[in-house]
N, C-alpha and C. Protein backbone atom coordinates (compact mmCIF):
# COMPACT_ATOMS: atom_id res chain seq x y z
N MET A 1 143.97 59.46 67.63
CA MET A 1 143.12 58.39 68.12
C MET A 1 142.17 58.96 69.16
N LEU A 2 140.91 58.60 69.05
CA LEU A 2 139.90 59.08 69.99
C LEU A 2 139.98 58.31 71.30
N PRO A 3 139.63 58.98 72.42
CA PRO A 3 139.59 58.25 73.69
C PRO A 3 138.45 57.23 73.68
N ARG A 4 138.59 56.22 74.51
CA ARG A 4 137.55 55.19 74.62
C ARG A 4 136.26 55.80 75.17
N PRO A 5 135.11 55.24 74.79
CA PRO A 5 133.86 55.76 75.35
C PRO A 5 133.79 55.48 76.84
N GLY A 6 133.19 56.37 77.57
CA GLY A 6 133.09 56.20 79.02
C GLY A 6 132.02 55.21 79.41
N VAL A 7 132.38 54.27 80.26
CA VAL A 7 131.44 53.30 80.80
C VAL A 7 130.79 53.93 82.03
N TYR A 8 129.48 53.79 82.15
CA TYR A 8 128.79 54.32 83.32
C TYR A 8 129.14 53.49 84.55
N TYR A 9 129.56 54.18 85.59
CA TYR A 9 129.77 53.58 86.91
C TYR A 9 128.95 54.39 87.90
N PHE A 10 128.37 53.70 88.85
CA PHE A 10 127.66 54.40 89.91
C PHE A 10 128.69 55.06 90.82
N PRO A 11 128.35 56.19 91.42
CA PRO A 11 129.30 56.88 92.30
C PRO A 11 129.82 55.99 93.43
N TRP A 12 128.99 55.11 93.95
CA TRP A 12 129.43 54.22 95.03
C TRP A 12 130.43 53.19 94.51
N GLU A 13 130.39 52.87 93.24
CA GLU A 13 131.40 51.98 92.66
C GLU A 13 132.73 52.71 92.47
N VAL A 14 132.65 53.97 92.10
CA VAL A 14 133.87 54.78 91.93
C VAL A 14 134.56 54.96 93.28
N SER A 15 133.79 55.33 94.30
CA SER A 15 134.38 55.57 95.62
C SER A 15 134.88 54.28 96.27
N ALA A 16 134.33 53.12 95.85
CA ALA A 16 134.76 51.84 96.41
C ALA A 16 135.97 51.27 95.67
N GLY A 17 136.41 51.93 94.60
CA GLY A 17 137.60 51.49 93.88
C GLY A 17 137.35 50.44 92.82
N HIS A 18 136.13 50.36 92.28
CA HIS A 18 135.81 49.36 91.27
C HIS A 18 136.17 49.78 89.84
N VAL A 19 136.72 50.98 89.69
CA VAL A 19 137.10 51.48 88.37
C VAL A 19 138.61 51.38 88.24
N PRO A 20 139.12 50.81 87.16
CA PRO A 20 140.57 50.70 87.01
C PRO A 20 141.22 52.07 86.84
N ASP A 21 142.42 52.22 87.36
CA ASP A 21 143.17 53.47 87.24
C ASP A 21 143.38 53.78 85.76
N GLY A 22 143.06 55.00 85.37
CA GLY A 22 143.18 55.41 83.98
C GLY A 22 141.97 55.06 83.14
N GLY A 23 141.01 54.36 83.73
CA GLY A 23 139.82 53.96 83.00
C GLY A 23 138.92 55.14 82.69
N THR A 24 138.30 55.12 81.51
CA THR A 24 137.37 56.16 81.11
C THR A 24 136.00 55.81 81.68
N LEU A 25 135.37 56.78 82.30
CA LEU A 25 134.10 56.51 82.96
C LEU A 25 133.15 57.69 82.86
N ARG A 26 131.90 57.39 83.12
CA ARG A 26 130.85 58.39 83.30
C ARG A 26 130.25 58.10 84.67
N THR A 27 129.95 59.16 85.38
CA THR A 27 129.26 59.01 86.65
C THR A 27 128.48 60.29 86.92
N PHE A 28 127.82 60.35 88.05
CA PHE A 28 126.93 61.47 88.33
C PHE A 28 126.92 61.77 89.82
N GLY A 29 126.34 62.90 90.17
CA GLY A 29 126.18 63.28 91.57
C GLY A 29 125.80 64.74 91.69
N ARG A 30 125.43 65.12 92.88
CA ARG A 30 125.10 66.53 93.15
C ARG A 30 126.38 67.27 93.51
N LEU A 31 126.55 68.44 92.93
CA LEU A 31 127.72 69.25 93.21
C LEU A 31 127.60 69.79 94.63
N SER A 32 128.46 69.31 95.52
CA SER A 32 128.39 69.75 96.91
C SER A 32 129.48 70.75 97.25
N LEU A 33 130.56 70.76 96.46
CA LEU A 33 131.67 71.67 96.73
C LEU A 33 132.40 71.96 95.44
N TYR A 34 132.76 73.22 95.23
CA TYR A 34 133.57 73.58 94.08
C TYR A 34 134.67 74.52 94.55
N ASP A 35 135.91 74.07 94.43
CA ASP A 35 137.08 74.83 94.83
C ASP A 35 137.75 75.38 93.57
N THR A 36 137.51 76.66 93.29
CA THR A 36 138.05 77.26 92.07
C THR A 36 139.56 77.40 92.12
N VAL A 37 140.13 77.57 93.30
CA VAL A 37 141.58 77.75 93.43
C VAL A 37 142.31 76.48 93.01
N HIS A 38 141.82 75.31 93.42
CA HIS A 38 142.48 74.04 93.13
C HIS A 38 141.82 73.28 91.97
N SER A 39 140.81 73.89 91.35
CA SER A 39 140.07 73.26 90.24
C SER A 39 139.57 71.87 90.63
N ARG A 40 138.88 71.80 91.75
CA ARG A 40 138.34 70.55 92.26
C ARG A 40 136.85 70.72 92.58
N ALA A 41 136.10 69.73 92.22
CA ALA A 41 134.69 69.67 92.56
C ALA A 41 134.42 68.37 93.28
N THR A 42 133.43 68.37 94.14
CA THR A 42 133.01 67.15 94.83
C THR A 42 131.56 66.89 94.48
N LEU A 43 131.33 65.70 93.92
CA LEU A 43 129.97 65.25 93.64
C LEU A 43 129.57 64.25 94.71
N THR A 44 128.37 64.38 95.22
CA THR A 44 127.88 63.47 96.25
C THR A 44 126.56 62.85 95.82
N VAL A 45 126.30 61.66 96.33
CA VAL A 45 125.04 60.99 96.07
C VAL A 45 124.72 60.09 97.26
N GLN A 46 123.46 60.00 97.57
CA GLN A 46 122.98 59.14 98.65
C GLN A 46 122.58 57.81 98.05
N HIS A 47 123.11 56.72 98.61
CA HIS A 47 122.74 55.37 98.16
C HIS A 47 122.48 54.55 99.41
N GLY A 48 121.24 54.20 99.59
CA GLY A 48 120.86 53.51 100.82
C GLY A 48 121.05 54.45 101.99
N SER A 49 121.77 54.00 103.01
CA SER A 49 122.00 54.83 104.18
C SER A 49 123.34 55.57 104.12
N GLU A 50 124.10 55.34 103.04
CA GLU A 50 125.43 55.95 102.93
C GLU A 50 125.47 57.06 101.90
N GLN A 51 126.35 58.02 102.16
CA GLN A 51 126.59 59.10 101.22
C GLN A 51 127.96 58.87 100.59
N HIS A 52 128.02 58.92 99.27
CA HIS A 52 129.25 58.66 98.54
C HIS A 52 129.72 59.92 97.84
N GLN A 53 131.05 60.09 97.75
CA GLN A 53 131.64 61.26 97.13
C GLN A 53 132.57 60.85 96.00
N VAL A 54 132.57 61.68 94.96
CA VAL A 54 133.49 61.51 93.84
C VAL A 54 134.20 62.85 93.66
N LEU A 55 135.53 62.82 93.70
CA LEU A 55 136.32 64.02 93.48
C LEU A 55 136.55 64.19 91.98
N VAL A 56 136.42 65.44 91.51
CA VAL A 56 136.55 65.72 90.09
C VAL A 56 137.54 66.86 89.88
N CYS A 57 138.52 66.64 89.00
CA CYS A 57 139.44 67.69 88.59
C CYS A 57 138.76 68.44 87.44
N THR A 58 138.61 69.76 87.58
CA THR A 58 137.84 70.54 86.60
C THR A 58 138.71 71.40 85.68
N LYS A 59 140.03 71.18 85.68
CA LYS A 59 140.93 72.03 84.90
C LYS A 59 140.57 72.08 83.42
N LEU A 60 140.16 70.96 82.84
CA LEU A 60 139.88 70.92 81.40
C LEU A 60 138.51 71.44 81.02
N VAL A 61 137.65 71.69 81.99
CA VAL A 61 136.28 72.15 81.68
C VAL A 61 136.00 73.55 82.19
N GLU A 62 137.03 74.22 82.69
CA GLU A 62 136.83 75.58 83.21
C GLU A 62 136.97 76.60 82.09
N PRO A 63 136.30 77.70 82.22
CA PRO A 63 135.37 78.07 83.29
C PRO A 63 133.99 77.44 83.05
N PHE A 64 133.30 77.14 84.12
CA PHE A 64 131.92 76.67 84.00
C PHE A 64 131.10 77.27 85.14
N GLN A 65 129.80 77.37 84.91
CA GLN A 65 128.90 77.94 85.90
C GLN A 65 128.52 76.87 86.90
N ALA A 66 129.24 76.82 88.01
CA ALA A 66 128.97 75.82 89.04
C ALA A 66 127.70 76.18 89.80
N GLN A 67 126.80 75.22 89.88
CA GLN A 67 125.57 75.39 90.63
C GLN A 67 125.57 74.37 91.77
N VAL A 68 126.01 74.81 92.93
CA VAL A 68 126.07 73.92 94.08
C VAL A 68 124.67 73.39 94.39
N GLY A 69 124.57 72.08 94.56
CA GLY A 69 123.29 71.43 94.82
C GLY A 69 122.65 70.85 93.58
N ALA A 70 123.15 71.23 92.40
CA ALA A 70 122.58 70.73 91.15
C ALA A 70 123.19 69.37 90.79
N LEU A 71 122.47 68.61 90.00
CA LEU A 71 122.90 67.29 89.56
C LEU A 71 123.80 67.44 88.33
N TYR A 72 124.93 66.73 88.34
CA TYR A 72 125.90 66.78 87.24
C TYR A 72 126.24 65.38 86.78
N VAL A 73 126.57 65.27 85.49
CA VAL A 73 127.14 64.05 84.92
C VAL A 73 128.54 64.42 84.47
N VAL A 74 129.51 63.54 84.79
CA VAL A 74 130.90 63.80 84.43
C VAL A 74 131.41 62.64 83.56
N LEU A 75 132.19 63.01 82.55
CA LEU A 75 132.87 62.05 81.69
C LEU A 75 134.35 62.36 81.78
N GLY A 76 135.15 61.35 82.08
CA GLY A 76 136.59 61.58 82.20
C GLY A 76 137.35 60.32 82.53
N GLU A 77 138.60 60.49 82.90
CA GLU A 77 139.46 59.37 83.25
C GLU A 77 139.75 59.38 84.74
N LEU A 78 139.82 58.20 85.31
CA LEU A 78 140.10 58.08 86.74
C LEU A 78 141.61 58.11 86.96
N ASP A 79 142.03 58.94 87.89
CA ASP A 79 143.45 59.09 88.19
C ASP A 79 143.66 58.81 89.68
N GLN A 80 144.53 57.86 89.97
CA GLN A 80 144.85 57.51 91.36
C GLN A 80 145.91 58.50 91.87
N GLN A 81 145.63 59.19 92.95
CA GLN A 81 146.55 60.16 93.52
C GLN A 81 147.56 59.46 94.43
N LYS A 82 148.64 60.15 94.76
CA LYS A 82 149.68 59.58 95.63
C LYS A 82 149.17 59.27 97.03
N ASP A 83 148.18 60.05 97.47
CA ASP A 83 147.64 59.83 98.82
C ASP A 83 146.59 58.71 98.87
N GLY A 84 146.35 58.05 97.72
CA GLY A 84 145.41 56.94 97.68
C GLY A 84 144.01 57.30 97.24
N THR A 85 143.71 58.58 97.12
CA THR A 85 142.38 58.98 96.66
C THR A 85 142.29 58.90 95.14
N SER A 86 141.08 58.76 94.65
CA SER A 86 140.83 58.73 93.22
C SER A 86 140.17 60.03 92.79
N VAL A 87 140.60 60.54 91.64
CA VAL A 87 140.05 61.78 91.11
C VAL A 87 139.68 61.55 89.65
N VAL A 88 138.49 61.98 89.26
CA VAL A 88 138.08 61.91 87.87
C VAL A 88 138.56 63.18 87.17
N LYS A 89 139.41 63.02 86.16
CA LYS A 89 139.85 64.17 85.35
C LYS A 89 138.78 64.41 84.29
N ALA A 90 137.96 65.42 84.53
CA ALA A 90 136.78 65.65 83.70
C ALA A 90 137.14 66.16 82.32
N ARG A 91 136.56 65.52 81.29
CA ARG A 91 136.59 66.04 79.94
C ARG A 91 135.28 66.76 79.64
N VAL A 92 134.21 66.28 80.28
CA VAL A 92 132.89 66.88 80.15
C VAL A 92 132.25 66.88 81.53
N LEU A 93 131.69 68.02 81.91
CA LEU A 93 130.97 68.14 83.17
C LEU A 93 129.69 68.92 82.86
N THR A 94 128.57 68.21 82.88
CA THR A 94 127.31 68.79 82.42
C THR A 94 126.28 68.81 83.54
N CYS A 95 125.64 69.95 83.70
CA CYS A 95 124.54 70.07 84.66
C CYS A 95 123.31 69.42 84.04
N VAL A 96 122.73 68.47 84.75
CA VAL A 96 121.54 67.76 84.29
C VAL A 96 120.42 67.88 85.32
N GLU A 97 120.35 69.02 85.96
CA GLU A 97 119.33 69.25 86.99
C GLU A 97 117.95 68.99 86.39
N GLY A 98 117.14 68.23 87.10
CA GLY A 98 115.81 67.87 86.64
C GLY A 98 115.75 66.47 86.07
N MET A 99 116.91 65.85 85.86
CA MET A 99 116.93 64.47 85.36
C MET A 99 116.37 63.55 86.43
N ASN A 100 115.64 62.55 86.00
CA ASN A 100 115.06 61.56 86.91
C ASN A 100 116.17 60.57 87.29
N LEU A 101 116.72 60.71 88.49
CA LEU A 101 117.86 59.91 88.93
C LEU A 101 117.54 58.41 89.04
N PRO A 102 116.40 58.01 89.61
CA PRO A 102 116.08 56.57 89.63
C PRO A 102 115.98 55.98 88.22
N LEU A 103 115.48 56.77 87.28
CA LEU A 103 115.38 56.30 85.90
C LEU A 103 116.76 56.16 85.26
N LEU A 104 117.69 57.07 85.57
CA LEU A 104 119.06 56.96 85.09
C LEU A 104 119.72 55.69 85.64
N GLU A 105 119.54 55.43 86.92
CA GLU A 105 120.10 54.22 87.53
C GLU A 105 119.53 52.96 86.87
N GLN A 106 118.24 52.98 86.60
CA GLN A 106 117.60 51.84 85.94
C GLN A 106 118.16 51.67 84.52
N ALA A 107 118.36 52.76 83.80
CA ALA A 107 118.91 52.69 82.44
C ALA A 107 120.33 52.13 82.45
N ILE A 108 121.13 52.52 83.43
CA ILE A 108 122.50 51.99 83.53
C ILE A 108 122.47 50.49 83.77
N GLN A 109 121.59 50.04 84.65
CA GLN A 109 121.48 48.60 84.93
C GLN A 109 121.00 47.83 83.69
N GLU A 110 120.05 48.40 82.95
CA GLU A 110 119.57 47.76 81.72
C GLU A 110 120.67 47.69 80.67
N GLN A 111 121.46 48.75 80.56
CA GLN A 111 122.57 48.77 79.61
C GLN A 111 123.59 47.69 79.96
N ARG A 112 123.86 47.52 81.25
CA ARG A 112 124.80 46.49 81.69
C ARG A 112 124.27 45.09 81.37
N ARG A 113 122.98 44.85 81.62
CA ARG A 113 122.40 43.55 81.30
C ARG A 113 122.50 43.26 79.80
N TYR A 114 122.23 44.27 78.99
CA TYR A 114 122.32 44.11 77.55
C TYR A 114 123.75 43.77 77.13
N GLN A 115 124.72 44.51 77.65
CA GLN A 115 126.12 44.28 77.31
C GLN A 115 126.57 42.88 77.73
N GLN A 116 126.16 42.45 78.92
CA GLN A 116 126.52 41.11 79.39
C GLN A 116 125.93 40.05 78.50
N GLY A 117 124.68 40.24 78.08
CA GLY A 117 124.03 39.28 77.20
C GLY A 117 124.69 39.27 75.83
N ARG A 118 125.05 40.41 75.33
CA ARG A 118 125.69 40.51 74.03
C ARG A 118 127.10 39.92 74.06
N ASP A 119 127.84 40.24 75.11
CA ASP A 119 129.21 39.72 75.22
C ASP A 119 129.21 38.22 75.52
N GLY A 120 128.24 37.76 76.27
CA GLY A 120 128.17 36.34 76.61
C GLY A 120 127.66 35.49 75.47
N GLY A 121 126.90 36.10 74.56
CA GLY A 121 126.32 35.35 73.44
C GLY A 121 127.25 35.24 72.24
N SER A 122 128.38 35.93 72.26
CA SER A 122 129.25 35.88 71.07
C SER A 122 130.35 34.87 71.18
């Protein structure tokens, strides 16, 4: 059986706990830290006046050429840790440097409006 398709969540939604534990998701951010010893990456994004972080487990996508400061999109499952933090277990971690971030955010919002209209109309 194939895993469920990942729903796009904004990084600030992931860090605020709006994604169910075990839920498949897609999100994005700039790679600010990559710890090869623990197979952990930290993606960050600025939203308004706040900076949000998403922790990513990279065990399933290693080895990869980490480019600190580059924009990445991650697809994976959210795992709640014992200490209360959330970690995305990455199945795909892709560098998308050069992508228009405001346009991606707009596309995600349009996709959500479409889904709500489709689900509400049936």
